[in-house]
Protein backbone atom coordinates (compact mmCIF):
# COMPACT_ATOMS: atom_id res chain seq x y z
CA MET A 1 9.67 -15.10 3.26
CA SER A 2 8.20 -12.18 1.11
CA LYS A 3 6.77 -9.33 2.59
CA LEU A 4 2.98 -9.98 2.05
CA ASN A 5 3.83 -13.79 3.26
CA VAL A 6 4.86 -12.21 6.24
CA ALA A 7 1.59 -10.34 6.06
CA LYS A 8 -0.40 -13.18 6.17
CA VAL A 9 0.99 -15.17 8.46
CA ILE A 10 0.86 -12.39 11.53
CA PHE A 11 -2.44 -11.84 10.34
CA SER A 12 -3.74 -15.25 10.30
CA VAL A 13 -1.91 -15.73 13.54
CA THR A 14 -3.17 -12.48 15.22
CA PHE A 15 -6.96 -13.40 13.69
CA TYR A 16 -7.05 -17.57 15.32
CA GLY A 17 -6.27 -16.43 18.17
CA ILE A 18 -9.22 -13.73 18.41
CA LEU A 19 -11.41 -16.32 17.23
CA ILE A 20 -10.13 -18.88 19.56
CA GLU A 21 -10.98 -16.11 22.53
CA ILE A 22 -14.80 -15.80 20.41
CA LEU A 23 -15.67 -19.24 21.07
CA GLN A 24 -14.39 -19.78 25.10
CA LYS A 25 -16.67 -16.72 25.26
CA TYR A 26 -19.77 -18.49 23.38
CA MET A 27 -18.96 -22.07 23.63
CA THR A 28 -17.70 -22.81 27.23
CA GLU A 29 -19.12 -22.39 31.00
CA SER A 30 -15.57 -22.94 32.17
CA ARG A 31 -13.43 -19.95 30.56
CA ILE A 32 -14.49 -16.49 29.57
CA PHE A 33 -13.42 -13.48 26.97
CA ASP A 34 -10.08 -11.64 27.57
CA ILE A 35 -9.59 -8.80 25.63
CA LEU A 36 -6.50 -8.62 27.28
CA ASP A 37 -5.93 -12.36 25.84
CA ILE A 38 -6.01 -10.82 22.48
CA VAL A 39 -3.61 -8.74 23.94
CA ALA A 40 -1.02 -11.15 24.53
CA ASN A 41 -1.58 -13.27 21.78
CA THR A 42 -1.03 -10.51 19.24
CA ALA A 43 2.53 -9.16 21.27
CA GLY A 44 3.45 -12.42 21.53
CA VAL A 45 2.93 -13.24 17.40
CA LEU A 46 5.26 -9.53 17.14
CA LEU A 47 7.98 -10.75 19.06
CA GLY A 48 8.46 -14.41 17.82
CA TYR A 49 8.52 -12.62 14.25
CA LEU A 50 10.79 -10.40 16.14
CA PHE A 51 12.81 -12.93 17.29
CA PHE A 52 12.38 -15.19 14.08
CA LEU A 53 14.34 -12.12 12.47
CA ALA A 54 17.05 -12.33 14.51
CA LEU A 55 17.98 -16.14 13.97
CA LYS A 56 17.47 -15.47 10.16
CA ILE A 57 19.87 -12.19 10.07
CA LYS A 58 22.44 -14.45 12.59
CA THR A 59 22.16 -17.25 10.69
CA TYR A 60 23.33 -15.81 7.66
CA GLU A 61 26.10 -13.24 8.83
């Protein structure tokens, strides 16, 4: 996977998390927008990528 593709995936997933938070603010009454959810989603994306890298390296050893 090229670095450009990795960047696209990370950006897309992070953008999706932000979009969901914005939609929660304006489209529902029972859910609220929370900046910490965006931080947690972004951290999850980065941890998931690091986990992927660890598996990839372990698999090819």
